[in-house]
Amino acid sequence: MKKTTILSLLTIAMIGATSVGTYAVWDNITASSKSNTVTLRKPVTIADQTSTKDLVVSSELSSDVTASGSVSFQVANEDSLATKLTLSEKVEAGITVLEENTDYSIAYSGSDVVGKVDSSVTNGEETYNYTITFTESGLSKIISNNYQFAVEVTATLS
């Protein structure tokens, strides 16, 4: 072998040995962050508090057939994150779903309720009264279901 080849091989070997031993014992090549404590906020929840009872149906002789009832929801909103509550309903006569405006109209009442929106949601129980007025189309669907219908009200926080 030539002297230059031997010298090149020795140089490559020295560079390799130097790279392997680059970190000394006192070098610190790993770090961990401090442990941070995270506190989650309390959840905003809503739960039905309505007692099971029949709707009150008007018993007067008139062209308008109405039914009225009330619903209550328990709202956990301690940090006042939810600012409004939107009400929606599902009215069914058996398996037939009645359509608002075509089969019925509904009016909600309660503190600060405008239309279907309560803009003063608090932390605690919220109660809403409603009155449903049926059209002829809605009445025919109820009559075909042996004069029975069901109302389910849903409250959505936002």
Protein backbone atom coordinates (compact mmCIF):
# COMPACT_ATOMS: atom_id res chain seq x y z
CA MET A 1 0.00 0.00 0.00
CA LYS A 2 1.03 3.51 -0.68
CA LYS A 3 1.80 5.95 2.06
CA THR A 4 -1.03 8.25 0.95
CA THR A 5 -3.56 5.44 1.11
CA ILE A 6 -2.43 4.46 4.59
CA LEU A 7 -2.53 8.12 5.68
CA SER A 8 -6.06 8.52 4.23
CA LEU A 9 -7.28 5.41 6.01
CA LEU A 10 -5.79 6.58 9.31
CA THR A 11 -7.43 10.02 8.85
CA ILE A 12 -10.83 8.43 8.18
CA ALA A 13 -10.42 6.19 11.24
CA MET A 14 -9.54 9.18 13.45
CA ILE A 15 -12.51 11.21 12.21
CA GLY A 16 -14.79 8.24 12.93
CA ALA A 17 -13.36 7.77 16.44
CA THR A 18 -13.73 11.47 17.19
CA SER A 19 -17.40 11.48 16.06
CA VAL A 20 -18.27 8.49 18.23
CA GLY A 21 -16.73 10.03 21.33
CA THR A 22 -18.04 13.58 20.83
CA TYR A 23 -20.24 13.60 23.99
CA ALA A 24 -18.39 13.66 27.25
CA VAL A 25 -19.75 12.27 30.52
CA TRP A 26 -20.64 15.78 31.78
CA ASP A 27 -22.67 16.66 28.66
CA ASN A 28 -26.43 16.85 29.17
CA ILE A 29 -28.21 16.01 25.92
CA THR A 30 -31.79 15.47 27.23
CA ALA A 31 -34.18 17.90 28.94
CA SER A 32 -37.72 17.58 30.30
CA SER A 33 -40.17 20.39 30.87
CA LYS A 34 -41.47 21.31 34.29
CA SER A 35 -44.67 19.55 35.29
CA ASN A 36 -47.61 21.92 34.82
CA THR A 37 -50.93 21.49 36.60
CA VAL A 38 -53.96 22.04 34.41
CA THR A 39 -57.38 22.80 35.88
CA LEU A 40 -60.27 22.20 33.54
CA ARG A 41 -63.31 24.47 33.76
CA LYS A 42 -66.54 23.02 35.07
CA PRO A 43 -68.73 21.65 32.28
CA VAL A 44 -71.81 23.44 31.01
CA THR A 45 -74.67 20.92 31.07
CA ILE A 46 -78.41 20.83 30.70
CA ALA A 47 -80.78 18.14 31.95
CA ASP A 48 -84.53 17.65 31.70
CA GLN A 49 -86.41 18.35 34.94
CA THR A 50 -89.94 18.14 33.52
CA SER A 51 -92.38 16.16 35.60
CA THR A 52 -94.37 13.60 33.65
CA LYS A 53 -97.88 14.90 33.19
CA ASP A 54 -100.45 15.23 30.48
CA LEU A 55 -100.79 18.33 28.38
CA VAL A 56 -103.81 20.46 29.05
CA VAL A 57 -106.03 20.44 25.97
CA SER A 58 -108.64 23.14 25.52
CA SER A 59 -112.13 21.85 26.25
CA GLU A 60 -114.03 24.80 24.81
CA LEU A 61 -116.07 24.67 21.66
CA SER A 62 -114.09 26.74 19.22
CA SER A 63 -112.42 26.50 15.86
CA ASP A 64 -108.96 26.52 17.49
CA VAL A 65 -107.74 23.35 19.15
CA THR A 66 -104.92 24.14 21.53
CA ALA A 67 -102.78 22.23 24.00
CA SER A 68 -100.55 23.76 26.64
CA GLY A 69 -97.85 22.44 28.89
CA SER A 70 -94.55 23.30 30.51
CA VAL A 71 -91.01 21.97 30.53
CA SER A 72 -88.15 22.50 32.98
CA PHE A 73 -84.42 22.15 32.41
CA GLN A 74 -81.64 22.16 35.00
CA VAL A 75 -78.76 24.25 33.64
CA ALA A 76 -75.22 24.00 35.08
CA ASN A 77 -73.63 27.22 33.82
CA GLU A 78 -71.53 28.41 36.78
CA ASP A 79 -69.04 30.37 34.70
CA SER A 80 -71.81 31.94 32.56
CA LEU A 81 -70.32 30.50 29.37
CA ALA A 82 -73.73 29.82 27.82
CA THR A 83 -75.51 33.05 26.98
CA LYS A 84 -78.66 31.77 25.35
CA LEU A 85 -80.92 28.74 25.21
CA THR A 86 -82.80 27.77 22.05
CA LEU A 87 -85.98 25.71 22.26
CA SER A 88 -87.21 23.32 19.60
CA GLU A 89 -89.97 20.74 19.64
CA LYS A 90 -91.01 17.50 18.02
CA VAL A 91 -94.74 16.83 17.79
CA GLU A 92 -95.77 13.32 16.77
CA ALA A 93 -99.06 11.54 16.24
CA GLY A 94 -97.94 7.92 16.37
CA ILE A 95 -95.24 7.52 13.74
CA THR A 96 -96.31 10.69 11.90
CA VAL A 97 -94.19 13.76 12.65
CA LEU A 98 -96.21 16.98 12.52
CA GLU A 99 -94.63 19.96 10.78
CA GLU A 100 -94.57 23.42 12.32
CA ASN A 101 -96.55 26.04 10.35
CA THR A 102 -98.27 23.33 8.29
CA ASP A 103 -99.73 21.24 11.12
CA TYR A 104 -99.33 23.49 14.17
CA SER A 105 -97.94 26.72 15.58
CA ILE A 106 -96.30 27.02 18.99
CA ALA A 107 -95.73 29.92 21.37
CA TYR A 108 -93.25 29.71 24.26
CA SER A 109 -93.34 31.91 27.34
CA GLY A 110 -90.98 32.36 30.24
CA SER A 111 -88.56 34.98 31.48
CA ASP A 112 -86.83 36.72 28.56
CA VAL A 113 -88.10 34.26 25.93
CA VAL A 114 -88.50 35.79 22.49
CA GLY A 115 -89.81 33.33 19.92
CA LYS A 116 -87.85 30.20 20.76
CA VAL A 117 -84.79 31.85 22.34
CA ASP A 118 -84.11 32.63 26.00
CA SER A 119 -81.34 35.23 26.10
CA SER A 120 -80.94 35.25 29.88
CA VAL A 121 -79.69 31.77 30.68
CA THR A 122 -78.74 31.37 34.32
CA ASN A 123 -77.24 28.67 36.48
CA GLY A 124 -80.21 26.70 37.80
CA GLU A 125 -83.65 25.57 36.77
CA GLU A 126 -85.29 27.16 33.73
CA THR A 127 -89.04 26.60 33.15
CA TYR A 128 -90.89 27.35 29.92
CA ASN A 129 -94.61 27.23 29.17
CA TYR A 130 -95.88 26.57 25.68
CA THR A 131 -99.16 26.59 23.80
CA ILE A 132 -99.65 24.64 20.59
CA THR A 133 -102.44 25.56 18.18
CA PHE A 134 -103.26 22.88 15.61
CA THR A 135 -104.33 23.43 12.01
CA GLU A 136 -106.87 21.25 10.22
CA SER A 137 -104.01 19.28 8.68
CA GLY A 138 -102.49 18.61 12.10
CA LEU A 139 -105.85 17.69 13.59
CA SER A 140 -106.49 15.12 10.87
CA LYS A 141 -103.13 13.47 11.67
CA ILE A 142 -103.97 13.41 15.38
CA ILE A 143 -107.45 12.04 14.75
CA SER A 144 -105.99 9.25 12.58
CA ASN A 145 -103.80 8.32 15.59
CA ASN A 146 -106.82 7.74 17.85
CA TYR A 147 -106.81 11.41 18.99
CA GLN A 148 -103.35 11.13 20.57
CA PHE A 149 -100.13 13.05 20.05
CA ALA A 150 -96.84 13.55 21.90
CA VAL A 151 -94.68 16.64 22.38
CA GLU A 152 -90.95 16.59 23.11
CA VAL A 153 -89.13 19.89 23.72
CA THR A 154 -85.36 20.15 23.29
CA ALA A 155 -83.25 22.94 24.79
CA THR A 156 -79.86 23.74 23.29
CA LEU A 157 -77.32 25.98 25.05
CA SER A 158 -75.01 28.26 23.12
